[in-house]
Amino acid sequence: LYVLMFMLDMSYNFGAVNGRLLLGQTAWQWPPAFDEPWLARSITDFWGRRWHRVLRRMFIQLGSRPGYVIGGQAGAVLGAFLVSTILHDWSIWGMGGGFAFIPTAVFFMTLGLGTVIESAFTRRTGWKVAGFPGWLWNIMVMILSGLLMVDNWMGRGLVGSDLFPSYFRPGKLLVDVVLYTLRLRP
């Protein structure tokens, strides 16, 4: 998880630096990609504020807007999570792991349903899902719905994939420079 967060954050920050320096964009156009996701007090808090929103516009345009027409507010939420399901499934396929739609859909659509349930709970009771019970609910739903997907993705080679091309490994480059500097490597 931390490696994926690092990669997303690094790519996002690269875009932010270029946007600010080359295009003259302002800081408010590049808010931080993550906001301490481990502190999320509900599923809605996690996906709406704390996890990255790099692809937010795509999820709204392709998922939420058509979903709203079909099923109102719940359809909008589930539409965004369906687009996320498809995107993540295609990512595994693009890495040569084949399609894994069902396990991926179980994870993302369960979280979409959890978001809809939280909204219904708040409308009925007037209380937001929050605090330690909300954190526990979020963690339990994430872990239980994610087990099938993560197991499937790991079996399809996600763990063994190269996040950097073999000719560009920043960690290896750094170690090689240190070893060369210390004359421990020819």
N, C-alpha and C. Protein backbone atom coordinates (compact mmCIF):
# COMPACT_ATOMS: atom_id res chain seq x y z
N LEU A 1 0.82 -1.19 0.00
CA LEU A 1 0.00 0.00 0.00
C LEU A 1 0.87 1.25 0.00
N TYR A 2 1.89 1.26 0.85
CA TYR A 2 2.74 2.45 0.91
C TYR A 2 3.51 2.68 -0.39
N VAL A 3 3.89 1.60 -1.05
CA VAL A 3 4.59 1.75 -2.34
C VAL A 3 3.66 2.39 -3.36
N LEU A 4 2.41 1.92 -3.40
CA LEU A 4 1.45 2.49 -4.34
C LEU A 4 1.17 3.96 -4.01
N MET A 5 1.03 4.26 -2.72
CA MET A 5 0.82 5.65 -2.31
C MET A 5 2.02 6.51 -2.72
N PHE A 6 3.22 5.98 -2.51
CA PHE A 6 4.43 6.72 -2.88
C PHE A 6 4.46 6.99 -4.37
N MET A 7 4.17 5.97 -5.18
CA MET A 7 4.21 6.13 -6.63
C MET A 7 3.17 7.16 -7.10
N LEU A 8 1.95 7.06 -6.58
CA LEU A 8 0.93 8.03 -6.94
C LEU A 8 1.32 9.44 -6.51
N ASP A 9 1.81 9.54 -5.28
CA ASP A 9 2.19 10.84 -4.73
C ASP A 9 3.35 11.44 -5.53
N MET A 10 4.32 10.61 -5.88
CA MET A 10 5.47 11.09 -6.64
C MET A 10 5.04 11.59 -8.02
N SER A 11 4.20 10.83 -8.69
CA SER A 11 3.72 11.25 -10.01
C SER A 11 2.90 12.52 -9.91
N TYR A 12 2.04 12.59 -8.91
CA TYR A 12 1.20 13.77 -8.70
C TYR A 12 2.07 14.99 -8.41
N ASN A 13 3.06 14.83 -7.55
CA ASN A 13 3.93 15.96 -7.20
C ASN A 13 4.76 16.43 -8.41
N PHE A 14 5.15 15.49 -9.26
CA PHE A 14 5.85 15.85 -10.49
C PHE A 14 4.94 16.74 -11.35
N GLY A 15 3.68 16.35 -11.46
CA GLY A 15 2.72 17.16 -12.20
C GLY A 15 2.49 18.51 -11.56
N ALA A 16 2.44 18.52 -10.22
CA ALA A 16 2.23 19.77 -9.50
C ALA A 16 3.38 20.74 -9.71
N VAL A 17 4.60 20.25 -9.62
CA VAL A 17 5.77 21.12 -9.83
C VAL A 17 5.75 21.69 -11.24
N ASN A 18 5.49 20.84 -12.22
CA ASN A 18 5.44 21.31 -13.61
C ASN A 18 4.28 22.28 -13.82
N GLY A 19 3.14 21.97 -13.23
CA GLY A 19 1.99 22.86 -13.36
C GLY A 19 2.24 24.23 -12.76
N ARG A 20 2.88 24.22 -11.60
CA ARG A 20 3.16 25.50 -10.91
C ARG A 20 4.25 26.29 -11.64
N LEU A 21 5.35 25.61 -12.01
CA LEU A 21 6.49 26.32 -12.61
C LEU A 21 6.27 26.67 -14.07
N LEU A 22 5.77 25.73 -14.85
CA LEU A 22 5.67 25.94 -16.30
C LEU A 22 4.35 26.57 -16.74
N LEU A 23 3.27 26.24 -16.01
CA LEU A 23 1.96 26.73 -16.43
C LEU A 23 1.42 27.85 -15.55
N GLY A 24 2.16 28.18 -14.49
CA GLY A 24 1.74 29.27 -13.61
C GLY A 24 0.50 28.97 -12.79
N GLN A 25 0.22 27.69 -12.55
CA GLN A 25 -0.96 27.33 -11.77
C GLN A 25 -0.73 27.66 -10.30
N THR A 26 -1.82 27.82 -9.57
CA THR A 26 -1.73 28.19 -8.15
C THR A 26 -1.75 26.94 -7.27
N ALA A 27 -1.38 27.12 -6.01
CA ALA A 27 -1.31 26.00 -5.08
C ALA A 27 -2.68 25.36 -4.86
N TRP A 28 -3.76 26.13 -4.87
CA TRP A 28 -5.08 25.54 -4.63
C TRP A 28 -5.48 24.59 -5.75
N GLN A 29 -4.85 24.71 -6.92
CA GLN A 29 -5.13 23.79 -8.02
C GLN A 29 -4.42 22.44 -7.82
N TRP A 30 -3.51 22.39 -6.87
CA TRP A 30 -2.75 21.17 -6.60
C TRP A 30 -2.76 20.86 -5.10
N PRO A 31 -3.93 20.53 -4.55
CA PRO A 31 -3.94 20.16 -3.13
C PRO A 31 -3.17 18.85 -2.94
N PRO A 32 -2.75 18.52 -1.71
CA PRO A 32 -2.02 17.26 -1.50
C PRO A 32 -2.83 16.07 -2.02
N ALA A 33 -2.14 15.09 -2.58
CA ALA A 33 -2.82 13.91 -3.14
C ALA A 33 -3.49 13.07 -2.06
N PHE A 34 -2.88 12.96 -0.89
CA PHE A 34 -3.42 12.15 0.20
C PHE A 34 -3.54 13.00 1.46
N ASP A 35 -4.50 12.64 2.30
CA ASP A 35 -4.69 13.33 3.57
C ASP A 35 -4.82 12.31 4.70
N GLU A 36 -3.70 11.68 5.04
CA GLU A 36 -3.63 10.70 6.12
C GLU A 36 -4.80 9.70 6.07
N PRO A 37 -4.85 8.87 5.02
CA PRO A 37 -5.99 7.98 4.84
C PRO A 37 -6.21 7.00 5.99
N TRP A 38 -5.17 6.68 6.73
CA TRP A 38 -5.30 5.75 7.86
C TRP A 38 -6.13 6.34 8.99
N LEU A 39 -6.41 7.63 8.96
CA LEU A 39 -7.23 8.28 9.99
C LEU A 39 -8.70 8.38 9.61
N ALA A 40 -9.08 7.86 8.46
CA ALA A 40 -10.46 7.97 7.98
C ALA A 40 -11.44 7.41 9.01
N ARG A 41 -12.50 8.17 9.27
CA ARG A 41 -13.50 7.80 10.27
C ARG A 41 -14.79 7.25 9.65
N SER A 42 -14.75 7.01 8.35
CA SER A 42 -15.87 6.38 7.65
C SER A 42 -15.40 6.05 6.23
N ILE A 43 -16.18 5.27 5.54
CA ILE A 43 -15.86 4.96 4.15
C ILE A 43 -15.94 6.24 3.31
N THR A 44 -16.95 7.05 3.59
CA THR A 44 -17.12 8.32 2.87
C THR A 44 -15.94 9.24 3.11
N ASP A 45 -15.47 9.31 4.34
CA ASP A 45 -14.31 10.14 4.68
C ASP A 45 -13.07 9.65 3.93
N PHE A 46 -12.89 8.33 3.88
CA PHE A 46 -11.73 7.77 3.19
C PHE A 46 -11.73 8.13 1.71
N TRP A 47 -12.82 7.80 1.01
CA TRP A 47 -12.86 7.98 -0.44
C TRP A 47 -13.14 9.42 -0.84
N GLY A 48 -13.84 10.17 -0.03
CA GLY A 48 -14.21 11.53 -0.40
C GLY A 48 -13.15 12.57 -0.08
N ARG A 49 -12.27 12.27 0.88
CA ARG A 49 -11.34 13.30 1.30
C ARG A 49 -9.91 12.81 1.48
N ARG A 50 -9.74 11.62 2.02
CA ARG A 50 -8.41 11.23 2.45
C ARG A 50 -7.60 10.45 1.41
N TRP A 51 -8.25 9.69 0.55
CA TRP A 51 -7.54 8.96 -0.50
C TRP A 51 -7.35 9.89 -1.67
N HIS A 52 -6.44 9.54 -2.57
CA HIS A 52 -6.14 10.45 -3.68
C HIS A 52 -7.38 10.73 -4.52
N ARG A 53 -7.38 11.90 -5.11
CA ARG A 53 -8.48 12.30 -5.98
C ARG A 53 -7.95 12.62 -7.38
N VAL A 54 -6.88 11.93 -7.74
CA VAL A 54 -6.22 12.20 -9.02
C VAL A 54 -7.16 11.93 -10.19
N LEU A 55 -7.98 10.90 -10.10
CA LEU A 55 -8.87 10.54 -11.20
C LEU A 55 -10.32 10.95 -10.94
N ARG A 56 -10.51 11.85 -10.00
CA ARG A 56 -11.85 12.26 -9.57
C ARG A 56 -12.72 12.74 -10.74
N ARG A 57 -12.16 13.59 -11.60
CA ARG A 57 -12.94 14.13 -12.72
C ARG A 57 -13.45 13.01 -13.63
N MET A 58 -12.58 12.04 -13.91
CA MET A 58 -12.98 10.92 -14.76
C MET A 58 -14.12 10.13 -14.11
N PHE A 59 -14.01 9.89 -12.79
CA PHE A 59 -15.05 9.12 -12.10
C PHE A 59 -16.39 9.87 -12.13
N ILE A 60 -16.34 11.18 -12.01
CA ILE A 60 -17.56 11.98 -12.04
C ILE A 60 -18.16 11.97 -13.45
N GLN A 61 -17.33 12.26 -14.45
CA GLN A 61 -17.83 12.36 -15.83
C GLN A 61 -18.37 11.03 -16.35
N LEU A 62 -17.60 9.95 -16.12
CA LEU A 62 -17.97 8.66 -16.71
C LEU A 62 -18.85 7.79 -15.82
N GLY A 63 -18.83 8.06 -14.50
CA GLY A 63 -19.58 7.21 -13.59
C GLY A 63 -20.70 7.91 -12.86
N SER A 64 -20.38 8.99 -12.17
CA SER A 64 -21.38 9.66 -11.33
C SER A 64 -22.51 10.30 -12.13
N ARG A 65 -22.16 11.02 -13.17
CA ARG A 65 -23.21 11.70 -13.94
C ARG A 65 -24.18 10.72 -14.60
N PRO A 66 -23.69 9.71 -15.33
CA PRO A 66 -24.65 8.74 -15.88
C PRO A 66 -25.36 7.96 -14.77
N GLY A 67 -24.64 7.64 -13.69
CA GLY A 67 -25.24 6.91 -12.58
C GLY A 67 -26.36 7.69 -11.92
N TYR A 68 -26.20 9.02 -11.83
CA TYR A 68 -27.23 9.86 -11.22
C TYR A 68 -28.52 9.81 -12.05
N VAL A 69 -28.36 9.84 -13.37
CA VAL A 69 -29.53 9.79 -14.25
C VAL A 69 -30.27 8.47 -14.06
N ILE A 70 -29.53 7.40 -13.87
CA ILE A 70 -30.13 6.07 -13.74
C ILE A 70 -30.70 5.84 -12.33
N GLY A 71 -29.97 6.24 -11.30
CA GLY A 71 -30.38 5.87 -9.95
C GLY A 71 -30.25 6.95 -8.89
N GLY A 72 -30.29 8.21 -9.27
CA GLY A 72 -30.22 9.28 -8.28
C GLY A 72 -28.86 9.33 -7.58
N GLN A 73 -28.87 9.79 -6.32
CA GLN A 73 -27.63 9.96 -5.58
C GLN A 73 -26.90 8.63 -5.39
N ALA A 74 -27.64 7.58 -5.06
CA ALA A 74 -27.01 6.25 -4.89
C ALA A 74 -26.41 5.79 -6.21
N GLY A 75 -27.10 6.02 -7.32
CA GLY A 75 -26.58 5.66 -8.63
C GLY A 75 -25.32 6.42 -8.98
N ALA A 76 -25.24 7.69 -8.55
CA ALA A 76 -24.04 8.49 -8.80
C ALA A 76 -22.85 7.90 -8.07
N VAL A 77 -23.03 7.53 -6.81
CA VAL A 77 -21.94 6.95 -6.02
C VAL A 77 -21.52 5.61 -6.62
N LEU A 78 -22.49 4.75 -6.88
CA LEU A 78 -22.16 3.42 -7.43
C LEU A 78 -21.57 3.52 -8.83
N GLY A 79 -21.99 4.50 -9.62
CA GLY A 79 -21.43 4.71 -10.95
C GLY A 79 -19.95 5.04 -10.89
N ALA A 80 -19.57 5.91 -9.94
CA ALA A 80 -18.15 6.27 -9.77
C ALA A 80 -17.34 5.04 -9.36
N PHE A 81 -17.87 4.24 -8.46
CA PHE A 81 -17.15 3.04 -8.02
C PHE A 81 -17.09 1.99 -9.13
N LEU A 82 -18.10 1.95 -10.00
CA LEU A 82 -18.05 1.03 -11.14
C LEU A 82 -16.94 1.43 -12.11
N VAL A 83 -16.81 2.70 -12.38
CA VAL A 83 -15.72 3.18 -13.26
C VAL A 83 -14.37 2.84 -12.62
N SER A 84 -14.25 3.01 -11.32
CA SER A 84 -13.02 2.66 -10.62
C SER A 84 -12.73 1.16 -10.75
N THR A 85 -13.77 0.34 -10.63
CA THR A 85 -13.62 -1.11 -10.80
C THR A 85 -13.04 -1.43 -12.17
N ILE A 86 -13.63 -0.84 -13.19
CA ILE A 86 -13.18 -1.10 -14.57
C ILE A 86 -11.74 -0.64 -14.76
N LEU A 87 -11.43 0.56 -14.28
CA LEU A 87 -10.07 1.09 -14.41
C LEU A 87 -9.05 0.17 -13.74
N HIS A 88 -9.34 -0.27 -12.52
CA HIS A 88 -8.40 -1.13 -11.80
C HIS A 88 -8.29 -2.51 -12.46
N ASP A 89 -9.40 -3.02 -12.97
CA ASP A 89 -9.34 -4.31 -13.66
C ASP A 89 -8.52 -4.21 -14.94
N TRP A 90 -8.69 -3.14 -15.68
CA TRP A 90 -7.89 -2.94 -16.89
C TRP A 90 -6.41 -2.77 -16.55
N SER A 91 -6.12 -2.19 -15.40
CA SER A 91 -4.72 -2.04 -14.99
C SER A 91 -4.05 -3.38 -14.81
N ILE A 92 -4.74 -4.31 -14.17
CA ILE A 92 -4.18 -5.66 -13.99
C ILE A 92 -4.03 -6.34 -15.36
N TRP A 93 -5.03 -6.18 -16.22
CA TRP A 93 -4.96 -6.75 -17.56
C TRP A 93 -3.77 -6.16 -18.32
N GLY A 94 -3.57 -4.84 -18.19
CA GLY A 94 -2.48 -4.18 -18.89
C GLY A 94 -1.10 -4.64 -18.43
N MET A 95 -1.02 -5.17 -17.23
CA MET A 95 0.25 -5.69 -16.71
C MET A 95 0.42 -7.17 -17.06
N GLY A 96 -0.50 -7.69 -17.86
CA GLY A 96 -0.38 -9.08 -18.29
C GLY A 96 -1.01 -10.09 -17.35
N GLY A 97 -1.82 -9.61 -16.40
CA GLY A 97 -2.42 -10.52 -15.42
C GLY A 97 -3.80 -11.00 -15.77
N GLY A 98 -4.30 -10.67 -16.95
CA GLY A 98 -5.65 -11.07 -17.33
C GLY A 98 -6.69 -10.24 -16.59
N PHE A 99 -7.95 -10.58 -16.83
CA PHE A 99 -9.03 -9.86 -16.18
C PHE A 99 -9.38 -10.51 -14.85
N ALA A 100 -9.76 -9.69 -13.88
CA ALA A 100 -10.18 -10.16 -12.56
C ALA A 100 -11.35 -9.30 -12.10
N PHE A 101 -12.37 -9.23 -12.96
CA PHE A 101 -13.45 -8.27 -12.72
C PHE A 101 -14.22 -8.56 -11.44
N ILE A 102 -14.61 -9.80 -11.19
CA ILE A 102 -15.45 -10.11 -10.03
C ILE A 102 -14.78 -9.74 -8.71
N PRO A 103 -13.54 -10.19 -8.44
CA PRO A 103 -12.92 -9.80 -7.17
C PRO A 103 -12.74 -8.29 -7.05
N THR A 104 -12.42 -7.64 -8.15
CA THR A 104 -12.24 -6.18 -8.13
C THR A 104 -13.58 -5.49 -7.88
N ALA A 105 -14.62 -5.98 -8.53
CA ALA A 105 -15.96 -5.40 -8.35
C ALA A 105 -16.47 -5.62 -6.93
N VAL A 106 -16.20 -6.77 -6.34
CA VAL A 106 -16.64 -7.02 -4.96
C VAL A 106 -16.07 -5.94 -4.05
N PHE A 107 -14.77 -5.64 -4.20
CA PHE A 107 -14.14 -4.62 -3.36
C PHE A 107 -14.75 -3.24 -3.58
N PHE A 108 -14.68 -2.74 -4.81
CA PHE A 108 -15.10 -1.36 -5.06
C PHE A 108 -16.60 -1.16 -4.92
N MET A 109 -17.41 -2.12 -5.38
CA MET A 109 -18.85 -1.94 -5.27
C MET A 109 -19.32 -2.09 -3.82
N THR A 110 -18.64 -2.92 -3.03
CA THR A 110 -18.96 -3.01 -1.61
C THR A 110 -18.69 -1.67 -0.93
N LEU A 111 -17.59 -1.04 -1.28
CA LEU A 111 -17.28 0.27 -0.70
C LEU A 111 -18.26 1.33 -1.18
N GLY A 112 -18.68 1.24 -2.44
CA GLY A 112 -19.71 2.16 -2.92
C GLY A 112 -21.01 1.96 -2.17
N LEU A 113 -21.39 0.70 -1.96
CA LEU A 113 -22.60 0.39 -1.20
C LEU A 113 -22.46 0.88 0.24
N GLY A 114 -21.27 0.72 0.82
CA GLY A 114 -21.02 1.20 2.18
C GLY A 114 -21.19 2.71 2.27
N THR A 115 -20.77 3.43 1.25
CA THR A 115 -20.94 4.88 1.20
C THR A 115 -22.41 5.24 1.14
N VAL A 116 -23.17 4.51 0.34
CA VAL A 116 -24.62 4.74 0.24
C VAL A 116 -25.29 4.45 1.59
N ILE A 117 -24.87 3.37 2.25
CA ILE A 117 -25.43 3.01 3.56
C ILE A 117 -25.13 4.10 4.59
N GLU A 118 -23.90 4.63 4.56
CA GLU A 118 -23.56 5.72 5.49
C GLU A 118 -24.44 6.94 5.26
N SER A 119 -24.68 7.27 4.02
CA SER A 119 -25.53 8.41 3.69
C SER A 119 -26.96 8.18 4.19
N ALA A 120 -27.48 6.98 3.98
CA ALA A 120 -28.83 6.64 4.45
C ALA A 120 -28.89 6.68 5.98
N PHE A 121 -27.85 6.19 6.63
CA PHE A 121 -27.78 6.22 8.09
C PHE A 121 -27.84 7.65 8.61
N THR A 122 -27.09 8.54 7.98
CA THR A 122 -27.08 9.94 8.39
C THR A 122 -28.44 10.59 8.16
N ARG A 123 -29.08 10.30 7.03
CA ARG A 123 -30.42 10.86 6.77
C ARG A 123 -31.44 10.37 7.79
N ARG A 124 -31.38 9.10 8.15
CA ARG A 124 -32.35 8.52 9.09
C ARG A 124 -32.15 8.98 10.52
N THR A 125 -30.90 9.02 10.95
CA THR A 125 -30.62 9.27 12.36
C THR A 125 -30.18 10.70 12.65
N GLY A 126 -29.66 11.38 11.63
CA GLY A 126 -29.09 12.71 11.85
C GLY A 126 -27.65 12.65 12.34
N TRP A 127 -27.13 11.47 12.54
CA TRP A 127 -25.75 11.29 13.01
C TRP A 127 -24.86 10.86 11.86
N LYS A 128 -23.68 11.47 11.78
CA LYS A 128 -22.70 11.05 10.78
C LYS A 128 -21.94 9.84 11.30
N VAL A 129 -21.55 8.97 10.40
CA VAL A 129 -20.65 7.87 10.77
C VAL A 129 -19.30 8.52 11.04
N ALA A 130 -18.81 8.36 12.27
CA ALA A 130 -17.58 9.05 12.66
C ALA A 130 -16.99 8.40 13.90
N GLY A 131 -15.88 8.97 14.36
CA GLY A 131 -15.23 8.51 15.59
C GLY A 131 -14.65 7.12 15.47
N PHE A 132 -14.40 6.51 16.62
CA PHE A 132 -13.82 5.17 16.62
C PHE A 132 -14.75 4.14 15.97
N PRO A 133 -16.07 4.17 16.24
CA PRO A 133 -16.94 3.19 15.54
C PRO A 133 -16.87 3.34 14.01
N GLY A 134 -16.80 4.59 13.53
CA GLY A 134 -16.70 4.82 12.08
C GLY A 134 -15.38 4.33 11.53
N TRP A 135 -14.30 4.55 12.28
CA TRP A 135 -12.98 4.07 11.87
C TRP A 135 -12.98 2.55 11.79
N LEU A 136 -13.55 1.90 12.82
CA LEU A 136 -13.61 0.43 12.86
C LEU A 136 -14.45 -0.11 11.71
N TRP A 137 -15.60 0.50 11.46
CA TRP A 137 -16.46 0.12 10.35
C TRP A 137 -15.71 0.23 9.03
N ASN A 138 -15.01 1.34 8.82
CA ASN A 138 -14.25 1.56 7.59
C ASN A 138 -13.19 0.48 7.41
N ILE A 139 -12.41 0.22 8.45
CA ILE A 139 -11.34 -0.77 8.37
C ILE A 139 -11.91 -2.15 8.10
N MET A 140 -12.97 -2.52 8.82
CA MET A 140 -13.55 -3.87 8.63
C MET A 140 -14.07 -4.06 7.21
N VAL A 141 -14.80 -3.08 6.70
CA VAL A 141 -15.34 -3.20 5.34
C VAL A 141 -14.21 -3.24 4.31
N MET A 142 -13.21 -2.39 4.49
CA MET A 142 -12.06 -2.38 3.56
C MET A 142 -11.36 -3.73 3.55
N ILE A 143 -11.04 -4.24 4.72
CA ILE A 143 -10.28 -5.49 4.81
C ILE A 143 -11.11 -6.66 4.30
N LEU A 144 -12.33 -6.79 4.78
CA LEU A 144 -13.14 -7.95 4.39
C LEU A 144 -13.47 -7.95 2.90
N SER A 145 -13.80 -6.78 2.35
CA SER A 145 -14.12 -6.75 0.92
C SER A 145 -12.87 -6.79 0.06
N GLY A 146 -11.75 -6.38 0.62
CA GLY A 146 -10.51 -6.34 -0.15
C GLY A 146 -9.74 -7.65 -0.19
N LEU A 147 -10.04 -8.57 0.71
CA LEU A 147 -9.29 -9.83 0.76
C LEU A 147 -9.32 -10.58 -0.57
N LEU A 148 -10.50 -10.73 -1.13
CA LEU A 148 -10.66 -11.46 -2.39
C LEU A 148 -9.89 -10.78 -3.52
N MET A 149 -10.00 -9.46 -3.59
CA MET A 149 -9.33 -8.71 -4.66
C MET A 149 -7.81 -8.79 -4.51
N VAL A 150 -7.31 -8.53 -3.31
CA VAL A 150 -5.86 -8.53 -3.10
C VAL A 150 -5.30 -9.92 -3.36
N ASP A 151 -5.96 -10.96 -2.89
CA ASP A 151 -5.51 -12.32 -3.14
C ASP A 151 -5.46 -12.61 -4.64
N ASN A 152 -6.49 -12.19 -5.34
CA ASN A 152 -6.54 -12.39 -6.79
C ASN A 152 -5.45 -11.60 -7.50
N TRP A 153 -5.26 -10.35 -7.12
CA TRP A 153 -4.24 -9.52 -7.75
C TRP A 153 -2.85 -10.07 -7.49
N MET A 154 -2.60 -10.53 -6.28
CA MET A 154 -1.28 -11.08 -5.96
C MET A 154 -1.02 -12.34 -6.78
N GLY A 155 -2.05 -13.15 -6.95
CA GLY A 155 -1.92 -14.36 -7.76
C GLY A 155 -1.71 -14.06 -9.23
N ARG A 156 -2.09 -12.88 -9.66
CA ARG A 156 -1.93 -12.49 -11.06
C ARG A 156 -0.63 -11.74 -11.31
N GLY A 157 0.19 -11.60 -10.29
CA GLY A 157 1.52 -11.05 -10.50
C GLY A 157 1.74 -9.62 -10.10
N LEU A 158 0.79 -8.99 -9.38
CA LEU A 158 0.98 -7.60 -9.02
C LEU A 158 2.21 -7.42 -8.13
N VAL A 159 2.47 -8.35 -7.23
CA VAL A 159 3.62 -8.22 -6.33
C VAL A 159 4.93 -8.26 -7.10
N GLY A 160 4.98 -9.09 -8.13
CA GLY A 160 6.21 -9.23 -8.90
C GLY A 160 6.38 -8.21 -10.01
N SER A 161 5.44 -7.28 -10.13
CA SER A 161 5.54 -6.32 -11.21
C SER A 161 6.61 -5.27 -10.92
N ASP A 162 7.13 -4.71 -11.97
CA ASP A 162 8.14 -3.66 -11.85
C ASP A 162 7.46 -2.31 -11.93
N LEU A 163 7.55 -1.54 -10.85
CA LEU A 163 6.96 -0.21 -10.87
C LEU A 163 7.83 0.78 -11.63
N PHE A 164 9.12 0.48 -11.69
CA PHE A 164 10.05 1.29 -12.48
C PHE A 164 10.65 0.38 -13.54
N PRO A 165 10.95 0.91 -14.71
CA PRO A 165 11.65 0.10 -15.71
C PRO A 165 13.00 -0.36 -15.17
N SER A 166 13.48 -1.47 -15.66
CA SER A 166 14.73 -2.05 -15.12
C SER A 166 15.92 -1.10 -15.27
N TYR A 167 15.91 -0.23 -16.27
CA TYR A 167 17.04 0.68 -16.46
C TYR A 167 16.97 1.90 -15.53
N PHE A 168 15.84 2.08 -14.84
CA PHE A 168 15.74 3.23 -13.94
C PHE A 168 15.16 2.80 -12.60
N ARG A 169 16.02 2.52 -11.68
CA ARG A 169 15.62 2.16 -10.33
C ARG A 169 16.29 3.16 -9.38
N PRO A 170 15.55 4.14 -8.88
CA PRO A 170 16.16 5.18 -8.04
C PRO A 170 16.90 4.61 -6.83
N GLY A 171 16.33 3.61 -6.17
CA GLY A 171 17.00 3.02 -5.01
C GLY A 171 18.30 2.35 -5.38
N LYS A 172 18.28 1.59 -6.47
CA LYS A 172 19.49 0.91 -6.93
C LYS A 172 20.54 1.94 -7.35
N LEU A 173 20.12 2.97 -8.05
CA LEU A 173 21.03 4.03 -8.47
C LEU A 173 21.69 4.68 -7.25
N LEU A 174 20.92 4.97 -6.24
CA LEU A 174 21.45 5.58 -5.02
C LEU A 174 22.46 4.67 -4.33
N VAL A 175 22.11 3.38 -4.20
CA VAL A 175 23.03 2.42 -3.59
C VAL A 175 24.31 2.30 -4.41
N ASP A 176 24.19 2.24 -5.73
CA ASP A 176 25.37 2.16 -6.60
C ASP A 176 26.27 3.38 -6.43
N VAL A 177 25.68 4.57 -6.35
CA VAL A 177 26.47 5.79 -6.15
C VAL A 177 27.20 5.75 -4.82
N VAL A 178 26.50 5.34 -3.77
CA VAL A 178 27.12 5.25 -2.44
C VAL A 178 28.26 4.23 -2.45
N LEU A 179 27.99 3.06 -3.02
CA LEU A 179 29.03 2.02 -3.06
C LEU A 179 30.22 2.46 -3.90
N TYR A 180 29.97 3.12 -5.02
CA TYR A 180 31.05 3.61 -5.86
C TYR A 180 31.86 4.68 -5.12
N THR A 181 31.15 5.58 -4.45
CA THR A 181 31.82 6.65 -3.69
C THR A 181 32.69 6.08 -2.59
N LEU A 182 32.22 5.03 -1.94
CA LEU A 182 32.99 4.39 -0.87
C LEU A 182 34.01 3.40 -1.42
N ARG A 183 34.06 3.29 -2.74
CA ARG A 183 34.96 2.40 -3.44
C ARG A 183 34.76 0.93 -3.07
N LEU A 184 33.50 0.58 -2.83
CA LEU A 184 33.18 -0.81 -2.52
C LEU A 184 32.76 -1.59 -3.76
N ARG A 185 32.66 -0.88 -4.88
CA ARG A 185 32.23 -1.52 -6.13
C ARG A 185 33.06 -0.91 -7.26
N PRO A 186 33.56 -1.73 -8.16
CA PRO A 186 34.40 -1.21 -9.28
C PRO A 186 33.59 -0.36 -10.24
